[in-house]
N, C-alpha and C. Protein backbone atom coordinates (compact mmCIF):
# COMPACT_ATOMS: atom_id res chain seq x y z
N MET A 1 25.75 101.59 121.58
CA MET A 1 24.67 102.23 122.31
C MET A 1 23.40 101.39 122.18
N GLU A 2 22.80 101.10 123.31
CA GLU A 2 21.59 100.28 123.33
C GLU A 2 20.36 101.15 123.10
N GLN A 3 19.49 100.70 122.20
CA GLN A 3 18.27 101.44 121.92
C GLN A 3 17.12 100.80 122.68
N ILE A 4 16.30 101.63 123.29
CA ILE A 4 15.12 101.16 124.01
C ILE A 4 13.94 101.24 123.05
N LEU A 5 13.22 100.13 122.91
CA LEU A 5 12.10 100.07 121.97
C LEU A 5 10.77 100.15 122.71
N LEU A 6 9.87 100.95 122.16
CA LEU A 6 8.52 101.11 122.69
C LEU A 6 7.58 100.23 121.87
N ASN A 7 6.85 99.34 122.53
CA ASN A 7 5.91 98.43 121.88
C ASN A 7 4.64 99.19 121.52
N LEU A 8 4.30 99.17 120.21
CA LEU A 8 3.08 99.84 119.74
C LEU A 8 1.99 98.84 119.41
N GLY A 9 2.23 97.56 119.70
CA GLY A 9 1.23 96.53 119.46
C GLY A 9 1.48 95.76 118.19
N PHE A 10 1.06 94.50 118.17
CA PHE A 10 1.14 93.62 117.02
C PHE A 10 2.58 93.44 116.53
N GLY A 11 3.53 93.45 117.46
CA GLY A 11 4.93 93.25 117.11
C GLY A 11 5.63 94.46 116.55
N ASN A 12 4.99 95.61 116.58
CA ASN A 12 5.58 96.84 116.05
C ASN A 12 6.19 97.65 117.17
N THR A 13 7.39 98.18 116.92
CA THR A 13 8.08 98.99 117.91
C THR A 13 8.64 100.25 117.27
N VAL A 14 8.99 101.20 118.11
CA VAL A 14 9.66 102.43 117.69
C VAL A 14 10.73 102.72 118.75
N VAL A 15 11.82 103.32 118.34
CA VAL A 15 12.88 103.68 119.28
C VAL A 15 12.31 104.75 120.22
N ALA A 16 12.29 104.46 121.51
CA ALA A 16 11.63 105.33 122.49
C ALA A 16 12.23 106.74 122.51
N ASP A 17 13.54 106.86 122.30
CA ASP A 17 14.18 108.18 122.32
C ASP A 17 13.72 109.07 121.16
N ARG A 18 13.12 108.49 120.14
CA ARG A 18 12.65 109.26 118.98
C ARG A 18 11.22 109.79 119.15
N VAL A 19 10.52 109.32 120.18
CA VAL A 19 9.12 109.71 120.40
C VAL A 19 9.06 111.12 120.98
N VAL A 20 8.28 111.97 120.32
CA VAL A 20 8.07 113.34 120.77
C VAL A 20 6.75 113.46 121.52
N ALA A 21 5.71 112.77 121.01
CA ALA A 21 4.39 112.89 121.63
C ALA A 21 3.58 111.62 121.40
N ILE A 22 2.71 111.34 122.38
CA ILE A 22 1.74 110.25 122.28
C ILE A 22 0.38 110.89 122.52
N LEU A 23 -0.48 110.87 121.52
CA LEU A 23 -1.72 111.63 121.56
C LEU A 23 -2.94 110.77 121.26
N SER A 24 -4.08 111.25 121.73
CA SER A 24 -5.35 110.62 121.41
C SER A 24 -5.80 111.12 120.03
N PRO A 25 -6.36 110.26 119.20
CA PRO A 25 -6.69 110.64 117.82
C PRO A 25 -8.04 111.31 117.61
N ASN A 26 -8.79 111.57 118.67
CA ASN A 26 -10.20 111.94 118.51
C ASN A 26 -10.48 113.40 118.21
N SER A 27 -9.52 114.28 118.34
CA SER A 27 -9.80 115.70 118.12
C SER A 27 -9.60 116.08 116.65
N SER A 28 -10.21 117.17 116.25
CA SER A 28 -10.07 117.66 114.87
C SER A 28 -8.62 117.97 114.52
N PRO A 29 -7.84 118.61 115.41
CA PRO A 29 -6.43 118.86 115.06
C PRO A 29 -5.65 117.58 114.81
N MET A 30 -5.95 116.52 115.56
CA MET A 30 -5.23 115.26 115.36
C MET A 30 -5.63 114.62 114.03
N LYS A 31 -6.88 114.77 113.64
CA LYS A 31 -7.31 114.26 112.34
C LYS A 31 -6.60 115.02 111.23
N ARG A 32 -6.41 116.32 111.42
CA ARG A 32 -5.71 117.14 110.44
C ARG A 32 -4.23 116.72 110.35
N VAL A 33 -3.60 116.47 111.50
CA VAL A 33 -2.21 116.01 111.53
C VAL A 33 -2.08 114.69 110.77
N LYS A 34 -3.02 113.79 111.02
CA LYS A 34 -3.01 112.48 110.35
C LYS A 34 -3.17 112.64 108.83
N ASP A 35 -4.10 113.48 108.41
CA ASP A 35 -4.34 113.69 106.98
C ASP A 35 -3.13 114.34 106.30
N GLU A 36 -2.51 115.32 106.96
CA GLU A 36 -1.33 115.97 106.39
C GLU A 36 -0.18 114.98 106.26
N ALA A 37 0.00 114.15 107.28
CA ALA A 37 1.07 113.16 107.24
C ALA A 37 0.83 112.16 106.10
N ARG A 38 -0.41 111.77 105.92
CA ARG A 38 -0.74 110.84 104.82
C ARG A 38 -0.41 111.48 103.48
N ASP A 39 -0.81 112.73 103.29
CA ASP A 39 -0.56 113.45 102.03
C ASP A 39 0.94 113.60 101.77
N GLU A 40 1.72 113.79 102.83
CA GLU A 40 3.17 114.00 102.69
C GLU A 40 3.97 112.70 102.82
N ARG A 41 3.27 111.58 102.88
CA ARG A 41 3.88 110.25 102.95
C ARG A 41 4.77 110.07 104.19
N ARG A 42 4.31 110.61 105.33
CA ARG A 42 5.00 110.48 106.60
C ARG A 42 4.19 109.63 107.58
N LEU A 43 3.09 109.05 107.11
CA LEU A 43 2.18 108.29 107.96
C LEU A 43 2.57 106.82 107.97
N ILE A 44 2.64 106.24 109.17
CA ILE A 44 2.91 104.82 109.34
C ILE A 44 1.74 104.24 110.13
N ASP A 45 1.03 103.31 109.52
CA ASP A 45 -0.15 102.72 110.14
C ASP A 45 0.19 101.32 110.64
N VAL A 46 0.22 101.13 111.97
CA VAL A 46 0.50 99.82 112.56
C VAL A 46 -0.72 99.27 113.30
N THR A 47 -1.91 99.67 112.85
CA THR A 47 -3.15 99.25 113.51
C THR A 47 -3.63 97.88 113.05
N HIS A 48 -3.10 97.37 111.95
CA HIS A 48 -3.55 96.09 111.38
C HIS A 48 -5.05 96.11 111.11
N GLY A 49 -5.55 97.22 110.62
CA GLY A 49 -6.96 97.33 110.24
C GLY A 49 -7.90 97.64 111.39
N ARG A 50 -7.38 97.79 112.57
CA ARG A 50 -8.22 98.11 113.72
C ARG A 50 -8.36 99.62 113.88
N LYS A 51 -9.22 100.02 114.78
CA LYS A 51 -9.45 101.45 115.03
C LYS A 51 -8.18 102.09 115.61
N THR A 52 -7.87 103.30 115.13
CA THR A 52 -6.73 104.05 115.66
C THR A 52 -7.09 104.58 117.05
N ARG A 53 -6.27 104.23 118.04
CA ARG A 53 -6.52 104.65 119.41
C ARG A 53 -5.40 105.52 119.97
N ALA A 54 -4.28 105.61 119.23
CA ALA A 54 -3.18 106.47 119.65
C ALA A 54 -2.42 106.95 118.42
N ILE A 55 -1.91 108.17 118.50
CA ILE A 55 -1.05 108.73 117.48
C ILE A 55 0.28 109.03 118.14
N VAL A 56 1.35 108.48 117.56
CA VAL A 56 2.70 108.71 118.07
C VAL A 56 3.43 109.57 117.06
N ILE A 57 4.00 110.67 117.53
CA ILE A 57 4.75 111.57 116.66
C ILE A 57 6.23 111.44 117.03
N THR A 58 7.07 111.30 116.02
CA THR A 58 8.50 111.11 116.25
C THR A 58 9.28 112.38 115.90
N ASP A 59 10.55 112.39 116.31
CA ASP A 59 11.39 113.56 116.04
C ASP A 59 11.72 113.71 114.55
N SER A 60 11.48 112.69 113.75
CA SER A 60 11.67 112.78 112.31
C SER A 60 10.39 113.26 111.61
N ASN A 61 9.40 113.65 112.42
CA ASN A 61 8.11 114.16 111.96
C ASN A 61 7.23 113.09 111.33
N HIS A 62 7.51 111.81 111.60
CA HIS A 62 6.63 110.74 111.18
C HIS A 62 5.47 110.63 112.16
N VAL A 63 4.33 110.23 111.65
CA VAL A 63 3.13 110.05 112.45
C VAL A 63 2.77 108.56 112.40
N ILE A 64 2.74 107.93 113.56
CA ILE A 64 2.48 106.49 113.65
C ILE A 64 1.12 106.28 114.30
N LEU A 65 0.27 105.50 113.64
CA LEU A 65 -1.05 105.18 114.16
C LEU A 65 -0.99 103.82 114.84
N SER A 66 -1.51 103.74 116.07
CA SER A 66 -1.51 102.50 116.83
C SER A 66 -2.93 102.15 117.26
N ALA A 67 -3.21 100.86 117.37
CA ALA A 67 -4.52 100.39 117.84
C ALA A 67 -4.55 100.26 119.35
N ILE A 68 -3.43 100.53 120.01
CA ILE A 68 -3.35 100.47 121.47
C ILE A 68 -3.76 101.83 122.03
N GLN A 69 -4.49 101.85 123.13
CA GLN A 69 -4.93 103.11 123.75
C GLN A 69 -3.74 104.02 124.04
N ALA A 70 -3.91 105.32 123.86
CA ALA A 70 -2.84 106.29 124.10
C ALA A 70 -2.34 106.20 125.54
N GLU A 71 -3.24 105.97 126.49
CA GLU A 71 -2.85 105.86 127.89
C GLU A 71 -1.93 104.65 128.11
N THR A 72 -2.24 103.55 127.44
CA THR A 72 -1.44 102.34 127.56
C THR A 72 -0.05 102.55 126.96
N VAL A 73 0.01 103.17 125.79
CA VAL A 73 1.30 103.45 125.16
C VAL A 73 2.12 104.39 126.05
N SER A 74 1.47 105.39 126.64
CA SER A 74 2.16 106.32 127.53
C SER A 74 2.70 105.61 128.77
N GLN A 75 1.93 104.69 129.33
CA GLN A 75 2.38 103.93 130.49
C GLN A 75 3.58 103.06 130.13
N ARG A 76 3.53 102.44 128.95
CA ARG A 76 4.67 101.63 128.50
C ARG A 76 5.91 102.50 128.34
N PHE A 77 5.72 103.69 127.79
CA PHE A 77 6.83 104.63 127.60
C PHE A 77 7.44 105.02 128.94
N ALA A 78 6.60 105.39 129.89
CA ALA A 78 7.08 105.79 131.21
C ALA A 78 7.80 104.63 131.91
N THR A 79 7.28 103.43 131.78
CA THR A 79 7.88 102.26 132.40
C THR A 79 9.28 101.99 131.84
N LEU A 80 9.46 102.18 130.55
CA LEU A 80 10.77 101.96 129.94
C LEU A 80 11.84 102.82 130.59
N PHE A 81 11.51 104.09 130.83
CA PHE A 81 12.50 105.00 131.38
C PHE A 81 12.67 104.83 132.88
N LYS A 82 11.65 104.36 133.57
CA LYS A 82 11.80 104.04 134.99
C LYS A 82 12.74 102.85 135.15
N GLU A 83 12.58 101.86 134.27
CA GLU A 83 13.45 100.68 134.32
C GLU A 83 14.90 101.06 134.00
N GLN A 84 15.07 101.98 133.05
CA GLN A 84 16.41 102.41 132.66
C GLN A 84 17.07 103.19 133.80
N ASP A 85 16.31 104.03 134.50
CA ASP A 85 16.86 104.82 135.60
C ASP A 85 17.25 103.95 136.78
N SER A 86 16.50 102.87 137.00
CA SER A 86 16.79 102.01 138.15
C SER A 86 17.92 101.01 137.86
N ALA A 87 18.26 100.85 136.59
CA ALA A 87 19.33 99.89 136.21
C ALA A 87 20.72 100.45 136.45
């Protein structure tokens, strides 16, 4: 079975089928989600020291921080499945 990978920037990827949500990090609830994930050791930071611009939540309940804009990550996600449907 072929896995489709979603590019989160700086050479980091996640299996696209595992992504549950792609969110903007600016709201208080998202800050709370990030803090809880950090406390529970479920946080994965792939920002390389840059500002967090997207939060990706996976079906394993991991929270991934990306420096790529949430809109850009969402467009990449949508494009992956459009390409798969047309193949």
